[in-house]
Amino acid sequence: LDAKTLKDHGIHPSEITSWKDASSAAKKIEMIGKELYLDLPAKARKMKLEEM
């Protein structure tokens, strides 16, 4: 994940100043990763449809 993706989801690395902040950011990042991963097949299907 790049910095822009993190900022789009409200995670600003410079604002993480404690273990609690880091823990909640890690949970958010995990959710973003799952969303992006689940979104991959849909994007691949869409691209295949456009190629046909």
N, C-alpha and C. Protein backbone atom coordinates (compact mmCIF):
# COMPACT_ATOMS: atom_id res chain seq x y z
N LEU A 1 0.85 -1.19 0.00
CA LEU A 1 0.00 0.00 0.00
C LEU A 1 0.88 1.24 0.00
N ASP A 2 0.52 2.21 -0.81
CA ASP A 2 1.32 3.43 -0.85
C ASP A 2 0.73 4.49 0.09
N ALA A 3 1.48 5.55 0.30
CA ALA A 3 1.07 6.60 1.24
C ALA A 3 -0.26 7.23 0.83
N LYS A 4 -0.49 7.40 -0.47
CA LYS A 4 -1.74 8.01 -0.92
C LYS A 4 -2.93 7.14 -0.54
N THR A 5 -2.81 5.82 -0.74
CA THR A 5 -3.90 4.90 -0.39
C THR A 5 -4.20 5.01 1.10
N LEU A 6 -3.14 5.05 1.92
CA LEU A 6 -3.33 5.16 3.36
C LEU A 6 -4.04 6.46 3.71
N LYS A 7 -3.60 7.57 3.13
CA LYS A 7 -4.22 8.87 3.42
C LYS A 7 -5.67 8.91 2.96
N ASP A 8 -5.97 8.26 1.81
CA ASP A 8 -7.35 8.19 1.32
C ASP A 8 -8.26 7.50 2.33
N HIS A 9 -7.67 6.59 3.13
CA HIS A 9 -8.45 5.86 4.12
C HIS A 9 -8.31 6.46 5.52
N GLY A 10 -7.75 7.66 5.60
CA GLY A 10 -7.67 8.36 6.88
C GLY A 10 -6.53 7.92 7.78
N ILE A 11 -5.51 7.31 7.21
CA ILE A 11 -4.35 6.89 8.01
C ILE A 11 -3.17 7.78 7.64
N HIS A 12 -2.68 8.54 8.62
CA HIS A 12 -1.55 9.43 8.38
C HIS A 12 -0.38 8.94 9.23
N PRO A 13 0.61 8.29 8.59
CA PRO A 13 1.73 7.72 9.35
C PRO A 13 2.37 8.68 10.34
N SER A 14 2.45 9.97 9.99
CA SER A 14 3.09 10.93 10.88
C SER A 14 2.28 11.17 12.16
N GLU A 15 0.99 10.79 12.14
CA GLU A 15 0.15 10.99 13.32
C GLU A 15 0.19 9.80 14.28
N ILE A 16 0.86 8.72 13.88
CA ILE A 16 0.94 7.54 14.73
C ILE A 16 2.04 7.76 15.77
N THR A 17 1.62 8.04 17.01
CA THR A 17 2.60 8.38 18.04
C THR A 17 2.59 7.43 19.23
N SER A 18 1.69 6.45 19.22
CA SER A 18 1.63 5.52 20.35
C SER A 18 1.32 4.11 19.86
N TRP A 19 1.47 3.14 20.77
CA TRP A 19 1.15 1.76 20.41
C TRP A 19 -0.32 1.63 20.04
N LYS A 20 -1.16 2.39 20.74
CA LYS A 20 -2.60 2.32 20.49
C LYS A 20 -2.91 2.82 19.07
N ASP A 21 -2.29 3.94 18.68
CA ASP A 21 -2.47 4.47 17.31
C ASP A 21 -1.99 3.44 16.28
N ALA A 22 -0.83 2.86 16.56
CA ALA A 22 -0.25 1.89 15.62
C ALA A 22 -1.15 0.67 15.48
N SER A 23 -1.73 0.24 16.59
CA SER A 23 -2.61 -0.93 16.57
C SER A 23 -3.87 -0.66 15.76
N SER A 24 -4.49 0.51 15.96
CA SER A 24 -5.70 0.81 15.21
C SER A 24 -5.38 1.04 13.73
N ALA A 25 -4.23 1.62 13.44
CA ALA A 25 -3.82 1.81 12.04
C ALA A 25 -3.59 0.45 11.38
N ALA A 26 -2.98 -0.47 12.12
CA ALA A 26 -2.72 -1.81 11.57
C ALA A 26 -4.03 -2.51 11.23
N LYS A 27 -5.03 -2.36 12.11
CA LYS A 27 -6.34 -2.97 11.84
C LYS A 27 -6.97 -2.37 10.59
N LYS A 28 -6.86 -1.03 10.45
CA LYS A 28 -7.41 -0.36 9.27
C LYS A 28 -6.70 -0.84 8.01
N ILE A 29 -5.36 -0.94 8.09
CA ILE A 29 -4.57 -1.36 6.93
C ILE A 29 -4.95 -2.78 6.52
N GLU A 30 -5.18 -3.63 7.52
CA GLU A 30 -5.60 -5.01 7.23
C GLU A 30 -6.93 -5.01 6.48
N MET A 31 -7.87 -4.17 6.91
CA MET A 31 -9.18 -4.08 6.25
C MET A 31 -9.02 -3.56 4.82
N ILE A 32 -8.17 -2.53 4.63
CA ILE A 32 -7.94 -1.99 3.29
C ILE A 32 -7.37 -3.09 2.39
N GLY A 33 -6.41 -3.83 2.92
CA GLY A 33 -5.80 -4.92 2.16
C GLY A 33 -6.83 -5.95 1.72
N LYS A 34 -7.74 -6.30 2.65
CA LYS A 34 -8.79 -7.27 2.32
C LYS A 34 -9.70 -6.71 1.24
N GLU A 35 -10.08 -5.45 1.37
CA GLU A 35 -10.95 -4.81 0.37
C GLU A 35 -10.28 -4.82 -1.00
N LEU A 36 -9.00 -4.42 -1.04
CA LEU A 36 -8.28 -4.37 -2.31
C LEU A 36 -8.15 -5.77 -2.90
N TYR A 37 -7.87 -6.75 -2.03
CA TYR A 37 -7.71 -8.12 -2.51
C TYR A 37 -9.03 -8.66 -3.06
N LEU A 38 -10.12 -8.42 -2.34
CA LEU A 38 -11.42 -8.90 -2.79
C LEU A 38 -11.86 -8.20 -4.06
N ASP A 39 -11.38 -6.99 -4.24
CA ASP A 39 -11.73 -6.18 -5.41
C ASP A 39 -10.98 -6.65 -6.67
N LEU A 40 -9.86 -7.34 -6.49
CA LEU A 40 -9.04 -7.76 -7.64
C LEU A 40 -9.80 -8.62 -8.65
N PRO A 41 -10.48 -9.69 -8.21
CA PRO A 41 -11.19 -10.52 -9.19
C PRO A 41 -12.24 -9.73 -9.97
N ALA A 42 -12.93 -8.82 -9.30
CA ALA A 42 -13.94 -8.01 -9.97
C ALA A 42 -13.30 -7.15 -11.05
N LYS A 43 -12.15 -6.56 -10.73
CA LYS A 43 -11.44 -5.73 -11.71
C LYS A 43 -10.97 -6.59 -12.89
N ALA A 44 -10.47 -7.78 -12.59
CA ALA A 44 -9.98 -8.68 -13.65
C ALA A 44 -11.14 -9.08 -14.56
N ARG A 45 -12.30 -9.39 -13.96
CA ARG A 45 -13.47 -9.76 -14.76
C ARG A 45 -13.89 -8.61 -15.65
N LYS A 46 -13.89 -7.41 -15.09
CA LYS A 46 -14.30 -6.22 -15.84
C LYS A 46 -13.37 -6.02 -17.05
N MET A 47 -12.06 -6.18 -16.82
CA MET A 47 -11.09 -5.99 -17.90
C MET A 47 -11.31 -7.03 -19.00
N LYS A 48 -11.59 -8.27 -18.60
CA LYS A 48 -11.83 -9.33 -19.59
C LYS A 48 -13.06 -9.01 -20.43
N LEU A 49 -14.11 -8.49 -19.79
CA LEU A 49 -15.32 -8.13 -20.52
C LEU A 49 -15.04 -7.02 -21.53
N GLU A 50 -14.22 -6.05 -21.11
CA GLU A 50 -13.91 -4.93 -22.00
C GLU A 50 -13.07 -5.40 -23.20
N GLU A 51 -12.25 -6.44 -23.00
CA GLU A 51 -11.41 -6.95 -24.08
C GLU A 51 -12.22 -7.67 -25.15
N MET A 52 -13.35 -8.25 -24.76
CA MET A 52 -14.16 -9.06 -25.69
C MET A 52 -14.86 -8.23 -26.74
